[in-house]
Amino acid sequence: MGERAEETKTGTGRDEEAVMRFVERFALTFSELGVPRTPARVFAALLVSDEGRLTAAELAGRLRISPAAVSNAVRYLQQARLVTREREPGGRRDHYRLYGGDTWYEVIVQRDELLRRWQEDMREGIEAVGADTPAGRRLEETRRFYEFAHQETARLLERWRKVRSEQAGNDTG
């Protein structure tokens, strides 16, 4: 192991320099999905935190961004239901953590709800333009895709629940 890598290791064996490279790389990939860059960085920082939660000051320090940038990022992530805010009884600082215990499951459930709503939107569009028009046929193709994706997502989520249940059983036995 190189001298520089050795310097960034913590007592827990974490290579903080490598962790930050991961945060930046993951945030870049996440931002390619449409998540703004700073919220993507905040999300990634929470994802890799051993504590599972961080204060605004901790996020600002780790990411070298302003408290206002953290505030805006957290607001975005809360609206997207990716992050939740909590405060310990009697505490003065808010802590931010990933939403729920199974963040990615929750993200997919939210997206599945959008697929269902988009199907309804497509039906409305089809009625508006006429089913037998070129636009109506495109909208119907889109509606059928959303319907397919919605059905497959339901099957995927059910399989995931089964896998998680089996994993939980293996972890206790």
C-alpha atoms as a PDB file:
ATOM      1  CA  MET A   1       0.000   0.000   0.000  1.00  0.00           C
ATOM      2  CA  GLY A   2       1.345   3.418  -0.927  1.00  0.00           C
ATOM      3  CA  GLU A   3       2.365   6.006   1.637  1.00  0.00           C
ATOM      4  CA  ARG A   4      -0.420   8.408   0.574  1.00  0.00           C
ATOM      5  CA  ALA A   5      -3.130   5.721   0.867  1.00  0.00           C
ATOM      6  CA  GLU A   6      -1.798   4.765   4.293  1.00  0.00           C
ATOM      7  CA  GLU A   7      -2.182   8.360   5.484  1.00  0.00           C
ATOM      8  CA  THR A   8      -5.866   8.478   4.602  1.00  0.00           C
ATOM      9  CA  LYS A   9      -6.803   5.270   6.401  1.00  0.00           C
ATOM     10  CA  THR A  10      -8.778   5.720   9.592  1.00  0.00           C
ATOM     11  CA  GLY A  11      -8.819   3.484  12.644  1.00  0.00           C
ATOM     12  CA  THR A  12     -11.820   1.711  11.119  1.00  0.00           C
ATOM     13  CA  GLY A  13      -9.882   0.757   8.003  1.00  0.00           C
ATOM     14  CA  ARG A  14     -11.712   3.292   5.842  1.00  0.00           C
ATOM     15  CA  ASP A  15      -9.661   5.004   3.214  1.00  0.00           C
ATOM     16  CA  GLU A  16     -11.282   8.444   3.374  1.00  0.00           C
ATOM     17  CA  GLU A  17      -9.675   9.566   0.146  1.00  0.00           C
ATOM     18  CA  ALA A  18     -11.099   6.530  -1.662  1.00  0.00           C
ATOM     19  CA  VAL A  19     -14.464   7.094   0.030  1.00  0.00           C
ATOM     20  CA  MET A  20     -14.584  10.660  -1.305  1.00  0.00           C
ATOM     21  CA  ARG A  21     -13.612   9.460  -4.785  1.00  0.00           C
ATOM     22  CA  PHE A  22     -16.531   7.040  -4.588  1.00  0.00           C
ATOM     23  CA  VAL A  23     -18.885   9.813  -3.402  1.00  0.00           C
ATOM     24  CA  GLU A  24     -17.904  12.016  -6.340  1.00  0.00           C
ATOM     25  CA  ARG A  25     -18.099   9.198  -8.894  1.00  0.00           C
ATOM     26  CA  PHE A  26     -21.460   7.947  -7.589  1.00  0.00           C
ATOM     27  CA  ALA A  27     -22.831  11.499  -7.478  1.00  0.00           C
ATOM     28  CA  LEU A  28     -21.794  12.033 -11.089  1.00  0.00           C
ATOM     29  CA  THR A  29     -23.578   8.850 -12.152  1.00  0.00           C
ATOM     30  CA  PHE A  30     -26.628   9.718 -10.033  1.00  0.00           C
ATOM     31  CA  SER A  31     -26.732  13.200 -11.563  1.00  0.00           C
ATOM     32  CA  GLU A  32     -26.874  11.597 -15.018  1.00  0.00           C
ATOM     33  CA  LEU A  33     -30.314  10.342 -13.947  1.00  0.00           C
ATOM     34  CA  GLY A  34     -31.448  13.928 -13.464  1.00  0.00           C
ATOM     35  CA  VAL A  35     -30.610  14.446  -9.790  1.00  0.00           C
ATOM     36  CA  PRO A  36     -28.825  17.790  -9.379  1.00  0.00           C
ATOM     37  CA  ARG A  37     -25.133  17.464  -8.552  1.00  0.00           C
ATOM     38  CA  THR A  38     -25.125  18.757  -4.967  1.00  0.00           C
ATOM     39  CA  PRO A  39     -28.110  16.674  -3.827  1.00  0.00           C
ATOM     40  CA  ALA A  40     -26.439  13.674  -5.495  1.00  0.00           C
ATOM     41  CA  ARG A  41     -23.250  14.351  -3.496  1.00  0.00           C
ATOM     42  CA  VAL A  42     -25.199  14.742  -0.249  1.00  0.00           C
ATOM     43  CA  PHE A  43     -27.063  11.499  -0.941  1.00  0.00           C
ATOM     44  CA  ALA A  44     -23.801   9.662  -1.629  1.00  0.00           C
ATOM     45  CA  ALA A  45     -22.216  11.072   1.544  1.00  0.00           C
ATOM     46  CA  LEU A  46     -25.139   9.774   3.596  1.00  0.00           C
ATOM     47  CA  LEU A  47     -24.954   6.440   1.827  1.00  0.00           C
ATOM     48  CA  VAL A  48     -21.317   5.902   2.881  1.00  0.00           C
ATOM     49  CA  SER A  49     -21.566   7.298   6.410  1.00  0.00           C
ATOM     50  CA  ASP A  50     -21.001   4.621   9.033  1.00  0.00           C
ATOM     51  CA  GLU A  51     -23.370   6.424  11.373  1.00  0.00           C
ATOM     52  CA  GLY A  52     -26.114   6.344   8.781  1.00  0.00           C
ATOM     53  CA  ARG A  53     -26.901   9.959   9.491  1.00  0.00           C
ATOM     54  CA  LEU A  54     -25.099  13.281   9.393  1.00  0.00           C
ATOM     55  CA  THR A  55     -25.769  16.852  10.456  1.00  0.00           C
ATOM     56  CA  ALA A  56     -25.764  19.747   8.007  1.00  0.00           C
ATOM     57  CA  ALA A  57     -22.400  20.856   9.429  1.00  0.00           C
ATOM     58  CA  GLU A  58     -20.922  17.382   8.957  1.00  0.00           C
ATOM     59  CA  LEU A  59     -22.194  17.242   5.381  1.00  0.00           C
ATOM     60  CA  ALA A  60     -20.842  20.729   4.633  1.00  0.00           C
ATOM     61  CA  GLY A  61     -17.451  19.775   6.070  1.00  0.00           C
ATOM     62  CA  ARG A  62     -17.154  16.449   4.307  1.00  0.00           C
ATOM     63  CA  LEU A  63     -18.281  17.774   0.945  1.00  0.00           C
ATOM     64  CA  ARG A  64     -16.617  21.197   1.294  1.00  0.00           C
ATOM     65  CA  ILE A  65     -19.828  23.025   0.439  1.00  0.00           C
ATOM     66  CA  SER A  66     -21.704  25.821   2.153  1.00  0.00           C
ATOM     67  CA  PRO A  67     -24.447  25.220   4.733  1.00  0.00           C
ATOM     68  CA  ALA A  68     -26.878  26.890   2.298  1.00  0.00           C
ATOM     69  CA  ALA A  69     -25.931  24.340  -0.386  1.00  0.00           C
ATOM     70  CA  VAL A  70     -26.539  21.523   2.109  1.00  0.00           C
ATOM     71  CA  SER A  71     -29.910  23.017   3.016  1.00  0.00           C
ATOM     72  CA  ASN A  72     -30.996  23.240  -0.622  1.00  0.00           C
ATOM     73  CA  ALA A  73     -29.716  19.747  -1.367  1.00  0.00           C
ATOM     74  CA  VAL A  74     -31.479  18.238   1.621  1.00  0.00           C
ATOM     75  CA  ARG A  75     -34.712  20.007   0.695  1.00  0.00           C
ATOM     76  CA  TYR A  76     -34.512  18.478  -2.781  1.00  0.00           C
ATOM     77  CA  LEU A  77     -33.759  15.009  -1.357  1.00  0.00           C
ATOM     78  CA  GLN A  78     -36.609  15.279   1.157  1.00  0.00           C
ATOM     79  CA  GLN A  79     -39.062  16.192  -1.602  1.00  0.00           C
ATOM     80  CA  ALA A  80     -37.835  13.188  -3.584  1.00  0.00           C
ATOM     81  CA  ARG A  81     -38.323  11.078  -0.439  1.00  0.00           C
ATOM     82  CA  LEU A  82     -34.696   9.973  -0.479  1.00  0.00           C
ATOM     83  CA  VAL A  83     -33.692  11.641   2.800  1.00  0.00           C
ATOM     84  CA  THR A  84     -35.484  12.306   6.039  1.00  0.00           C
ATOM     85  CA  ARG A  85     -34.738  14.805   8.803  1.00  0.00           C
ATOM     86  CA  GLU A  86     -34.775  13.891  12.464  1.00  0.00           C
ATOM     87  CA  ARG A  87     -33.841  15.461  15.747  1.00  0.00           C
ATOM     88  CA  GLU A  88     -33.019  13.709  19.004  1.00  0.00           C
ATOM     89  CA  PRO A  89     -35.252  14.690  21.927  1.00  0.00           C
ATOM     90  CA  GLY A  90     -33.760  17.809  23.496  1.00  0.00           C
ATOM     91  CA  GLY A  91     -31.234  18.088  20.660  1.00  0.00           C
ATOM     92  CA  ARG A  92     -30.554  21.305  18.815  1.00  0.00           C
ATOM     93  CA  ARG A  93     -29.252  19.890  15.555  1.00  0.00           C
ATOM     94  CA  ASP A  94     -31.106  18.187  12.777  1.00  0.00           C
ATOM     95  CA  HIS A  95     -29.696  14.953  11.461  1.00  0.00           C
ATOM     96  CA  TYR A  96     -30.303  13.702   7.952  1.00  0.00           C
ATOM     97  CA  ARG A  97     -30.557  10.064   7.027  1.00  0.00           C
ATOM     98  CA  LEU A  98     -31.559   8.020   4.041  1.00  0.00           C
ATOM     99  CA  TYR A  99     -35.310   7.598   3.822  1.00  0.00           C
ATOM    100  CA  GLY A 100     -36.503   4.310   5.267  1.00  0.00           C
ATOM    101  CA  GLY A 101     -34.542   1.151   5.764  1.00  0.00           C
ATOM    102  CA  ASP A 102     -34.575   0.077   2.153  1.00  0.00           C
ATOM    103  CA  THR A 103     -34.014   3.257   0.178  1.00  0.00           C
ATOM    104  CA  TRP A 104     -33.782   1.701  -3.277  1.00  0.00           C
ATOM    105  CA  TYR A 105     -36.939  -0.323  -2.734  1.00  0.00           C
ATOM    106  CA  GLU A 106     -38.755   2.891  -1.791  1.00  0.00           C
ATOM    107  CA  VAL A 107     -37.381   4.681  -4.857  1.00  0.00           C
ATOM    108  CA  ILE A 108     -38.676   1.913  -7.130  1.00  0.00           C
ATOM    109  CA  VAL A 109     -42.079   1.921  -5.386  1.00  0.00           C
ATOM    110  CA  GLN A 110     -42.327   5.668  -6.027  1.00  0.00           C
ATOM    111  CA  ARG A 111     -41.344   5.245  -9.664  1.00  0.00           C
ATOM    112  CA  ASP A 112     -43.881   2.447 -10.023  1.00  0.00           C
ATOM    113  CA  GLU A 113     -46.599   4.812  -8.840  1.00  0.00           C
ATOM    114  CA  LEU A 114     -45.482   7.250 -11.542  1.00  0.00           C
ATOM    115  CA  LEU A 115     -45.775   4.501 -14.152  1.00  0.00           C
ATOM    116  CA  ARG A 116     -49.357   3.904 -13.066  1.00  0.00           C
ATOM    117  CA  ARG A 117     -50.179   7.613 -13.233  1.00  0.00           C
ATOM    118  CA  TRP A 118     -48.504   7.956 -16.631  1.00  0.00           C
ATOM    119  CA  GLN A 119     -50.727   5.175 -17.965  1.00  0.00           C
ATOM    120  CA  GLU A 120     -53.749   7.259 -16.990  1.00  0.00           C
ATOM    121  CA  ASP A 121     -52.210  10.349 -18.568  1.00  0.00           C
ATOM    122  CA  MET A 122     -51.650   8.435 -21.814  1.00  0.00           C
ATOM    123  CA  ARG A 123     -55.311   7.321 -21.821  1.00  0.00           C
ATOM    124  CA  GLU A 124     -56.377  10.949 -21.507  1.00  0.00           C
ATOM    125  CA  GLY A 125     -54.040  11.928 -24.339  1.00  0.00           C
ATOM    126  CA  ILE A 126     -55.363   9.126 -26.546  1.00  0.00           C
ATOM    127  CA  GLU A 127     -58.915  10.332 -26.014  1.00  0.00           C
ATOM    128  CA  ALA A 128     -57.866  13.889 -26.808  1.00  0.00           C
ATOM    129  CA  VAL A 129     -56.042  13.151 -30.072  1.00  0.00           C
ATOM    130  CA  GLY A 130     -58.071  10.129 -31.172  1.00  0.00           C
ATOM    131  CA  ALA A 131     -56.984   6.498 -30.966  1.00  0.00           C
ATOM    132  CA  ASP A 132     -56.800   6.088 -34.751  1.00  0.00           C
ATOM    133  CA  THR A 133     -54.421   8.979 -35.353  1.00  0.00           C
ATOM    134  CA  PRO A 134     -50.623   8.671 -35.590  1.00  0.00           C
ATOM    135  CA  ALA A 135     -50.322  10.560 -32.277  1.00  0.00           C
ATOM    136  CA  GLY A 136     -52.945   8.302 -30.689  1.00  0.00           C
ATOM    137  CA  ARG A 137     -51.058   5.183 -31.794  1.00  0.00           C
ATOM    138  CA  ARG A 138     -47.795   6.590 -30.346  1.00  0.00           C
ATOM    139  CA  LEU A 139     -49.537   7.385 -27.078  1.00  0.00           C
ATOM    140  CA  GLU A 140     -51.058   3.885 -26.962  1.00  0.00           C
ATOM    141  CA  GLU A 141     -47.639   2.317 -27.537  1.00  0.00           C
ATOM    142  CA  THR A 142     -46.271   4.434 -24.694  1.00  0.00           C
ATOM    143  CA  ARG A 143     -49.229   3.500 -22.450  1.00  0.00           C
ATOM    144  CA  ARG A 144     -48.673  -0.204 -23.172  1.00  0.00           C
ATOM    145  CA  PHE A 145     -44.985   0.161 -22.310  1.00  0.00           C
ATOM    146  CA  TYR A 146     -45.838   1.851 -18.999  1.00  0.00           C
ATOM    147  CA  GLU A 147     -48.375  -0.879 -18.281  1.00  0.00           C
ATOM    148  CA  PHE A 148     -45.754  -3.551 -19.009  1.00  0.00           C
ATOM    149  CA  ALA A 149     -43.136  -1.793 -16.864  1.00  0.00           C
ATOM    150  CA  HIS A 150     -45.666  -1.414 -14.029  1.00  0.00           C
ATOM    151  CA  GLN A 151     -46.517  -5.143 -14.138  1.00  0.00           C
ATOM    152  CA  GLU A 152     -42.874  -6.170 -14.259  1.00  0.00           C
ATOM    153  CA  THR A 153     -41.986  -3.793 -11.432  1.00  0.00           C
ATOM    154  CA  ALA A 154     -44.652  -5.388  -9.241  1.00  0.00           C
ATOM    155  CA  ARG A 155     -43.116  -8.812  -9.918  1.00  0.00           C
ATOM    156  CA  LEU A 156     -39.616  -7.477  -9.299  1.00  0.00           C
ATOM    157  CA  LEU A 157     -40.596  -5.933  -5.958  1.00  0.00           C
ATOM    158  CA  GLU A 158     -42.297  -9.148  -4.860  1.00  0.00           C
ATOM    159  CA  ARG A 159     -39.174 -11.146  -5.710  1.00  0.00           C
ATOM    160  CA  TRP A 160     -37.050  -8.611  -3.793  1.00  0.00           C
ATOM    161  CA  ARG A 161     -39.275  -8.927  -0.710  1.00  0.00           C
ATOM    162  CA  LYS A 162     -38.821 -12.704  -0.887  1.00  0.00           C
ATOM    163  CA  VAL A 163     -35.023 -12.406  -1.226  1.00  0.00           C
ATOM    164  CA  ARG A 164     -34.865  -9.947   1.690  1.00  0.00           C
ATOM    165  CA  SER A 165     -37.012 -12.234   3.828  1.00  0.00           C
ATOM    166  CA  GLU A 166     -34.767 -15.203   3.047  1.00  0.00           C
ATOM    167  CA  GLN A 167     -31.667 -13.128   3.813  1.00  0.00           C
ATOM    168  CA  ALA A 168     -33.143 -12.026   7.130  1.00  0.00           C
ATOM    169  CA  GLY A 169     -33.855 -15.667   7.984  1.00  0.00           C
ATOM    170  CA  ASN A 170     -30.278 -16.632   7.134  1.00  0.00           C
ATOM    171  CA  ASP A 171     -28.856 -13.758   9.199  1.00  0.00           C
ATOM    172  CA  THR A 172     -30.636 -14.921  12.352  1.00  0.00           C
ATOM    173  CA  GLY A 173     -29.982 -18.632  11.936  1.00  0.00           C
END
